[in-house]
């Protein structure tokens, strides 16, 4: 009788531990999936922002070139006025 109670308690504890382990494992897998999804999202966002950054740098370079051309034309104009006075 005593050994039966010990055996039943032992089986109950193993069952409980198994349930706890499975629950922990499932939660860990779910969290891992969430982290993977978040990481994938952040990687995509990083790629998009990198492309936008590259486009903005190109636009800035283009504007700088335009500004340089305008400034050179202005200097040429000013110089021509000064020379022909």
C-alpha atoms as a PDB file:
ATOM      1  CA  UNK A   1       0.000   0.000   0.000  1.00  0.00           C
ATOM      2  CA  UNK A   2       2.788   2.406   0.951  1.00  0.00           C
ATOM      3  CA  UNK A   3       4.751   1.487  -2.170  1.00  0.00           C
ATOM      4  CA  UNK A   4       1.636   2.041  -4.303  1.00  0.00           C
ATOM      5  CA  UNK A   5       1.276   5.587  -2.965  1.00  0.00           C
ATOM      6  CA  UNK A   6       4.958   6.275  -3.596  1.00  0.00           C
ATOM      7  CA  UNK A   7       4.662   4.882  -7.128  1.00  0.00           C
ATOM      8  CA  UNK A   8       1.539   6.952  -7.857  1.00  0.00           C
ATOM      9  CA  UNK A   9       3.235  10.083  -6.455  1.00  0.00           C
ATOM     10  CA  UNK A  10       6.324   9.346  -8.559  1.00  0.00           C
ATOM     11  CA  UNK A  11       4.230   8.891 -11.717  1.00  0.00           C
ATOM     12  CA  UNK A  12       2.306  12.070 -10.949  1.00  0.00           C
ATOM     13  CA  UNK A  13       5.570  14.037 -10.501  1.00  0.00           C
ATOM     14  CA  UNK A  14       7.000  12.673 -13.760  1.00  0.00           C
ATOM     15  CA  UNK A  15       3.783  13.582 -15.564  1.00  0.00           C
ATOM     16  CA  UNK A  16       3.824  17.060 -14.074  1.00  0.00           C
ATOM     17  CA  UNK A  17       7.486  17.564 -14.967  1.00  0.00           C
ATOM     18  CA  UNK A  18       6.820  16.332 -18.497  1.00  0.00           C
ATOM     19  CA  UNK A  19       3.951  18.779 -18.897  1.00  0.00           C
ATOM     20  CA  UNK A  20       6.116  21.610 -17.549  1.00  0.00           C
ATOM     21  CA  UNK A  21       8.988  20.706 -19.899  1.00  0.00           C
ATOM     22  CA  UNK A  22       6.714  20.495 -22.934  1.00  0.00           C
ATOM     23  CA  UNK A  23       5.096  23.794 -21.998  1.00  0.00           C
ATOM     24  CA  UNK A  24       8.509  25.426 -21.575  1.00  0.00           C
ATOM     25  CA  UNK A  25       9.715  23.961 -24.873  1.00  0.00           C
ATOM     26  CA  UNK A  26       6.637  25.161 -26.757  1.00  0.00           C
ATOM     27  CA  UNK A  27       6.911  28.639 -25.243  1.00  0.00           C
ATOM     28  CA  UNK A  28      10.605  28.777 -26.070  1.00  0.00           C
ATOM     29  CA  UNK A  29       9.914  27.740 -29.664  1.00  0.00           C
ATOM     30  CA  UNK A  30       7.156  30.338 -29.944  1.00  0.00           C
ATOM     31  CA  UNK A  31       9.436  33.036 -28.552  1.00  0.00           C
ATOM     32  CA  UNK A  32      12.159  31.903 -30.954  1.00  0.00           C
ATOM     33  CA  UNK A  33       9.711  32.188 -33.838  1.00  0.00           C
ATOM     34  CA  UNK A  34       8.671  35.652 -32.690  1.00  0.00           C
ATOM     35  CA  UNK A  35      12.305  36.714 -32.420  1.00  0.00           C
ATOM     36  CA  UNK A  36      13.010  35.291 -35.893  1.00  0.00           C
ATOM     37  CA  UNK A  37      10.036  37.149 -37.354  1.00  0.00           C
ATOM     38  CA  UNK A  38      11.096  40.375 -35.636  1.00  0.00           C
ATOM     39  CA  UNK A  39      14.660  39.923 -36.851  1.00  0.00           C
ATOM     40  CA  UNK A  40      13.456  39.338 -40.414  1.00  0.00           C
ATOM     41  CA  UNK A  41      11.284  42.467 -40.210  1.00  0.00           C
ATOM     42  CA  UNK A  42      14.190  44.528 -38.894  1.00  0.00           C
ATOM     43  CA  UNK A  43      16.472  43.192 -41.629  1.00  0.00           C
ATOM     44  CA  UNK A  44      13.925  44.235 -44.256  1.00  0.00           C
ATOM     45  CA  UNK A  45      13.555  47.661 -42.657  1.00  0.00           C
ATOM     46  CA  UNK A  46      17.339  48.009 -42.603  1.00  0.00           C
ATOM     47  CA  UNK A  47      17.528  47.137 -46.301  1.00  0.00           C
ATOM     48  CA  UNK A  48      14.801  49.662 -47.161  1.00  0.00           C
ATOM     49  CA  UNK A  49      16.455  52.395 -45.089  1.00  0.00           C
ATOM     50  CA  UNK A  50      19.856  51.631 -46.631  1.00  0.00           C
ATOM     51  CA  UNK A  51      18.395  51.977 -50.119  1.00  0.00           C
ATOM     52  CA  UNK A  52      16.662  55.238 -49.183  1.00  0.00           C
ATOM     53  CA  UNK A  53      19.896  56.494 -47.634  1.00  0.00           C
ATOM     54  CA  UNK A  54      21.804  55.685 -50.819  1.00  0.00           C
ATOM     55  CA  UNK A  55      19.201  57.486 -52.933  1.00  0.00           C
ATOM     56  CA  UNK A  56      19.348  60.536 -50.647  1.00  0.00           C
ATOM     57  CA  UNK A  57      23.147  60.593 -50.824  1.00  0.00           C
ATOM     58  CA  UNK A  58      22.966  60.481 -54.616  1.00  0.00           C
ATOM     59  CA  UNK A  59      20.406  63.296 -54.621  1.00  0.00           C
ATOM     60  CA  UNK A  60      22.587  65.352 -52.272  1.00  0.00           C
ATOM     61  CA  UNK A  61      25.598  64.801 -54.542  1.00  0.00           C
ATOM     62  CA  UNK A  62      23.516  65.854 -57.562  1.00  0.00           C
ATOM     63  CA  UNK A  63      22.344  69.018 -55.789  1.00  0.00           C
ATOM     64  CA  UNK A  64      25.910  69.805 -54.760  1.00  0.00           C
ATOM     65  CA  UNK A  65      27.031  69.454 -58.381  1.00  0.00           C
ATOM     66  CA  UNK A  66      24.202  71.738 -59.557  1.00  0.00           C
ATOM     67  CA  UNK A  67      25.108  74.293 -56.909  1.00  0.00           C
ATOM     68  CA  UNK A  68      28.759  74.162 -57.957  1.00  0.00           C
ATOM     69  CA  UNK A  69      27.836  74.737 -61.615  1.00  0.00           C
ATOM     70  CA  UNK A  70      25.620  77.709 -60.669  1.00  0.00           C
ATOM     71  CA  UNK A  71      28.367  79.161 -58.478  1.00  0.00           C
ATOM     72  CA  UNK A  72      30.931  78.830 -61.305  1.00  0.00           C
ATOM     73  CA  UNK A  73      28.554  80.570 -63.724  1.00  0.00           C
ATOM     74  CA  UNK A  74      28.026  83.315 -61.158  1.00  0.00           C
ATOM     75  CA  UNK A  75      31.786  83.775 -60.729  1.00  0.00           C
ATOM     76  CA  UNK A  76      32.283  83.875 -64.491  1.00  0.00           C
ATOM     77  CA  UNK A  77      29.574  86.514 -64.775  1.00  0.00           C
ATOM     78  CA  UNK A  78      31.034  88.596 -61.953  1.00  0.00           C
ATOM     79  CA  UNK A  79      34.518  88.264 -63.408  1.00  0.00           C
ATOM     80  CA  UNK A  80      33.323  89.325 -66.858  1.00  0.00           C
ATOM     81  CA  UNK A  81      31.655  92.413 -65.359  1.00  0.00           C
ATOM     82  CA  UNK A  82      34.812  93.290 -63.443  1.00  0.00           C
ATOM     83  CA  UNK A  83      37.095  92.795 -66.477  1.00  0.00           C
ATOM     84  CA  UNK A  84      34.971  94.814 -68.905  1.00  0.00           C
ATOM     85  CA  UNK A  85      34.374  97.823 -66.654  1.00  0.00           C
END
